[in-house]
Amino acid sequence: MKHSFHLILIVILIKKKIKVYNKKISINYVGMGKCSQLWNEIVKNI
């Protein structure tokens, strides 16, 4: 029971992170240089 709760918590955290990244990507999508810089950041954080 405790283990599955922990997994759910991780999934929620990941989803929140993805939402934040999607916002950042859509904001920076205009400048392709900024966008690729952002992708490097995402890859580093994963």
PDB file of N, CA and C in Angstrom:
ATOM      1  N   MET A   1       0.834  -1.198   0.000  1.00  0.00           N
ATOM      2  CA  MET A   1       0.000   0.000   0.000  1.00  0.00           C
ATOM      3  C   MET A   1       0.877   1.259   0.000  1.00  0.00           C
ATOM      4  N   LYS A   2       1.840   1.290   0.897  1.00  0.00           N
ATOM      5  CA  LYS A   2       2.740   2.436   0.993  1.00  0.00           C
ATOM      6  C   LYS A   2       3.516   2.613  -0.310  1.00  0.00           C
ATOM      7  N   HIS A   3       3.918   1.499  -0.889  1.00  0.00           N
ATOM      8  CA  HIS A   3       4.722   1.527  -2.113  1.00  0.00           C
ATOM      9  C   HIS A   3       3.936   2.134  -3.275  1.00  0.00           C
ATOM     10  N   SER A   4       2.699   1.721  -3.447  1.00  0.00           N
ATOM     11  CA  SER A   4       1.880   2.233  -4.553  1.00  0.00           C
ATOM     12  C   SER A   4       1.590   3.723  -4.372  1.00  0.00           C
ATOM     13  N   PHE A   5       1.420   4.139  -3.122  1.00  0.00           N
ATOM     14  CA  PHE A   5       1.201   5.562  -2.843  1.00  0.00           C
ATOM     15  C   PHE A   5       2.418   6.376  -3.264  1.00  0.00           C
ATOM     16  N   HIS A   6       3.593   5.843  -2.975  1.00  0.00           N
ATOM     17  CA  HIS A   6       4.851   6.488  -3.349  1.00  0.00           C
ATOM     18  C   HIS A   6       4.945   6.635  -4.869  1.00  0.00           C
ATOM     19  N   LEU A   7       4.540   5.601  -5.579  1.00  0.00           N
ATOM     20  CA  LEU A   7       4.562   5.632  -7.047  1.00  0.00           C
ATOM     21  C   LEU A   7       3.624   6.706  -7.583  1.00  0.00           C
ATOM     22  N   ILE A   8       2.434   6.794  -7.009  1.00  0.00           N
ATOM     23  CA  ILE A   8       1.454   7.803  -7.423  1.00  0.00           C
ATOM     24  C   ILE A   8       2.034   9.201  -7.220  1.00  0.00           C
ATOM     25  N   LEU A   9       2.697   9.395  -6.084  1.00  0.00           N
ATOM     26  CA  LEU A   9       3.319  10.676  -5.763  1.00  0.00           C
ATOM     27  C   LEU A   9       4.351  11.055  -6.819  1.00  0.00           C
ATOM     28  N   ILE A  10       5.172  10.095  -7.218  1.00  0.00           N
ATOM     29  CA  ILE A  10       6.204  10.316  -8.238  1.00  0.00           C
ATOM     30  C   ILE A  10       5.558  10.711  -9.565  1.00  0.00           C
ATOM     31  N   VAL A  11       4.496   9.996  -9.937  1.00  0.00           N
ATOM     32  CA  VAL A  11       3.795  10.282 -11.198  1.00  0.00           C
ATOM     33  C   VAL A  11       3.241  11.708 -11.191  1.00  0.00           C
ATOM     34  N   ILE A  12       2.652  12.112 -10.068  1.00  0.00           N
ATOM     35  CA  ILE A  12       2.100  13.468  -9.945  1.00  0.00           C
ATOM     36  C   ILE A  12       3.214  14.500 -10.097  1.00  0.00           C
ATOM     37  N   LEU A  13       4.339  14.265  -9.440  1.00  0.00           N
ATOM     38  CA  LEU A  13       5.479  15.184  -9.526  1.00  0.00           C
ATOM     39  C   LEU A  13       5.976  15.306 -10.958  1.00  0.00           C
ATOM     40  N   ILE A  14       6.085  14.172 -11.645  1.00  0.00           N
ATOM     41  CA  ILE A  14       6.555  14.163 -13.037  1.00  0.00           C
ATOM     42  C   ILE A  14       5.581  14.944 -13.915  1.00  0.00           C
ATOM     43  N   LYS A  15       4.281  14.717 -13.719  1.00  0.00           N
ATOM     44  CA  LYS A  15       3.271  15.419 -14.513  1.00  0.00           C
ATOM     45  C   LYS A  15       3.353  16.923 -14.297  1.00  0.00           C
ATOM     46  N   LYS A  16       3.566  17.335 -13.048  1.00  0.00           N
ATOM     47  CA  LYS A  16       3.693  18.761 -12.743  1.00  0.00           C
ATOM     48  C   LYS A  16       4.915  19.340 -13.436  1.00  0.00           C
ATOM     49  N   LYS A  17       6.022  18.611 -13.388  1.00  0.00           N
ATOM     50  CA  LYS A  17       7.256  19.050 -14.041  1.00  0.00           C
ATOM     51  C   LYS A  17       7.037  19.208 -15.533  1.00  0.00           C
ATOM     52  N   ILE A  18       6.357  18.239 -16.144  1.00  0.00           N
ATOM     53  CA  ILE A  18       6.096  18.273 -17.586  1.00  0.00           C
ATOM     54  C   ILE A  18       5.248  19.501 -17.925  1.00  0.00           C
ATOM     55  N   LYS A  19       4.252  19.785 -17.091  1.00  0.00           N
ATOM     56  CA  LYS A  19       3.398  20.950 -17.314  1.00  0.00           C
ATOM     57  C   LYS A  19       4.221  22.235 -17.303  1.00  0.00           C
ATOM     58  N   VAL A  20       5.123  22.350 -16.331  1.00  0.00           N
ATOM     59  CA  VAL A  20       5.994  23.525 -16.219  1.00  0.00           C
ATOM     60  C   VAL A  20       6.882  23.634 -17.456  1.00  0.00           C
ATOM     61  N   TYR A  21       7.457  22.505 -17.888  1.00  0.00           N
ATOM     62  CA  TYR A  21       8.328  22.515 -19.066  1.00  0.00           C
ATOM     63  C   TYR A  21       7.549  22.902 -20.315  1.00  0.00           C
ATOM     64  N   ASN A  22       6.317  22.395 -20.456  1.00  0.00           N
ATOM     65  CA  ASN A  22       5.494  22.730 -21.611  1.00  0.00           C
ATOM     66  C   ASN A  22       5.245  24.230 -21.683  1.00  0.00           C
ATOM     67  N   LYS A  23       5.002  24.844 -20.534  1.00  0.00           N
ATOM     68  CA  LYS A  23       4.810  26.301 -20.486  1.00  0.00           C
ATOM     69  C   LYS A  23       6.079  27.008 -20.934  1.00  0.00           C
ATOM     70  N   LYS A  24       7.215  26.589 -20.404  1.00  0.00           N
ATOM     71  CA  LYS A  24       8.497  27.199 -20.754  1.00  0.00           C
ATOM     72  C   LYS A  24       8.779  27.035 -22.240  1.00  0.00           C
ATOM     73  N   ILE A  25       8.493  25.859 -22.777  1.00  0.00           N
ATOM     74  CA  ILE A  25       8.755  25.579 -24.190  1.00  0.00           C
ATOM     75  C   ILE A  25       7.874  26.474 -25.065  1.00  0.00           C
ATOM     76  N   SER A  26       6.589  26.575 -24.745  1.00  0.00           N
ATOM     77  CA  SER A  26       5.686  27.390 -25.562  1.00  0.00           C
ATOM     78  C   SER A  26       6.059  28.867 -25.490  1.00  0.00           C
ATOM     79  N   ILE A  27       6.558  29.309 -24.335  1.00  0.00           N
ATOM     80  CA  ILE A  27       6.980  30.711 -24.192  1.00  0.00           C
ATOM     81  C   ILE A  27       8.233  30.966 -25.039  1.00  0.00           C
ATOM     82  N   ASN A  28       9.165  30.027 -25.011  1.00  0.00           N
ATOM     83  CA  ASN A  28      10.457  30.220 -25.677  1.00  0.00           C
ATOM     84  C   ASN A  28      10.488  29.688 -27.111  1.00  0.00           C
ATOM     85  N   TYR A  29       9.351  29.179 -27.594  1.00  0.00           N
ATOM     86  CA  TYR A  29       9.331  28.539 -28.911  1.00  0.00           C
ATOM     87  C   TYR A  29       9.629  29.519 -30.037  1.00  0.00           C
ATOM     88  N   VAL A  30       9.339  30.793 -29.799  1.00  0.00           N
ATOM     89  CA  VAL A  30       9.568  31.825 -30.823  1.00  0.00           C
ATOM     90  C   VAL A  30      11.047  31.873 -31.189  1.00  0.00           C
ATOM     91  N   GLY A  31      11.904  31.884 -30.171  1.00  0.00           N
ATOM     92  CA  GLY A  31      13.348  31.883 -30.431  1.00  0.00           C
ATOM     93  C   GLY A  31      13.882  30.464 -30.428  1.00  0.00           C
ATOM     94  N   MET A  32      14.236  29.961 -31.621  1.00  0.00           N
ATOM     95  CA  MET A  32      14.671  28.569 -31.723  1.00  0.00           C
ATOM     96  C   MET A  32      15.956  28.316 -30.936  1.00  0.00           C
ATOM     97  N   GLY A  33      16.809  29.316 -30.850  1.00  0.00           N
ATOM     98  CA  GLY A  33      18.040  29.190 -30.059  1.00  0.00           C
ATOM     99  C   GLY A  33      17.719  28.962 -28.593  1.00  0.00           C
ATOM    100  N   LYS A  34      16.764  29.744 -28.098  1.00  0.00           N
ATOM    101  CA  LYS A  34      16.325  29.606 -26.710  1.00  0.00           C
ATOM    102  C   LYS A  34      15.706  28.233 -26.499  1.00  0.00           C
ATOM    103  N   CYS A  35      14.957  27.770 -27.489  1.00  0.00           N
ATOM    104  CA  CYS A  35      14.271  26.493 -27.379  1.00  0.00           C
ATOM    105  C   CYS A  35      15.272  25.341 -27.244  1.00  0.00           C
ATOM    106  N   SER A  36      16.306  25.347 -28.083  1.00  0.00           N
ATOM    107  CA  SER A  36      17.301  24.276 -28.021  1.00  0.00           C
ATOM    108  C   SER A  36      18.074  24.335 -26.704  1.00  0.00           C
ATOM    109  N   GLN A  37      18.275  25.545 -26.201  1.00  0.00           N
ATOM    110  CA  GLN A  37      18.923  25.728 -24.904  1.00  0.00           C
ATOM    111  C   GLN A  37      18.069  25.088 -23.811  1.00  0.00           C
ATOM    112  N   LEU A  38      16.758  25.275 -23.938  1.00  0.00           N
ATOM    113  CA  LEU A  38      15.811  24.722 -22.979  1.00  0.00           C
ATOM    114  C   LEU A  38      15.823  23.199 -23.016  1.00  0.00           C
ATOM    115  N   TRP A  39      15.892  22.643 -24.228  1.00  0.00           N
ATOM    116  CA  TRP A  39      15.941  21.180 -24.358  1.00  0.00           C
ATOM    117  C   TRP A  39      17.173  20.621 -23.667  1.00  0.00           C
ATOM    118  N   ASN A  40      18.299  21.315 -23.795  1.00  0.00           N
ATOM    119  CA  ASN A  40      19.528  20.900 -23.111  1.00  0.00           C
ATOM    120  C   ASN A  40      19.316  20.881 -21.602  1.00  0.00           C
ATOM    121  N   GLU A  41      18.607  21.872 -21.097  1.00  0.00           N
ATOM    122  CA  GLU A  41      18.290  21.951 -19.670  1.00  0.00           C
ATOM    123  C   GLU A  41      17.423  20.778 -19.246  1.00  0.00           C
ATOM    124  N   ILE A  42      16.419  20.467 -20.055  1.00  0.00           N
ATOM    125  CA  ILE A  42      15.506  19.361 -19.743  1.00  0.00           C
ATOM    126  C   ILE A  42      16.275  18.045 -19.698  1.00  0.00           C
ATOM    127  N   VAL A  43      17.103  17.821 -20.696  1.00  0.00           N
ATOM    128  CA  VAL A  43      17.883  16.579 -20.767  1.00  0.00           C
ATOM    129  C   VAL A  43      18.801  16.459 -19.549  1.00  0.00           C
ATOM    130  N   LYS A  44      19.392  17.572 -19.159  1.00  0.00           N
ATOM    131  CA  LYS A  44      20.277  17.584 -17.980  1.00  0.00           C
ATOM    132  C   LYS A  44      19.509  17.212 -16.718  1.00  0.00           C
ATOM    133  N   ASN A  45      18.282  17.739 -16.599  1.00  0.00           N
ATOM    134  CA  ASN A  45      17.482  17.508 -15.393  1.00  0.00           C
ATOM    135  C   ASN A  45      16.885  16.109 -15.325  1.00  0.00           C
ATOM    136  N   ILE A  46      16.795  15.423 -16.462  1.00  0.00           N
ATOM    137  CA  ILE A  46      16.285  14.040 -16.477  1.00  0.00           C
ATOM    138  C   ILE A  46      17.437  13.113 -16.189  1.00  0.00           C
TER     139      ILE A  46
END
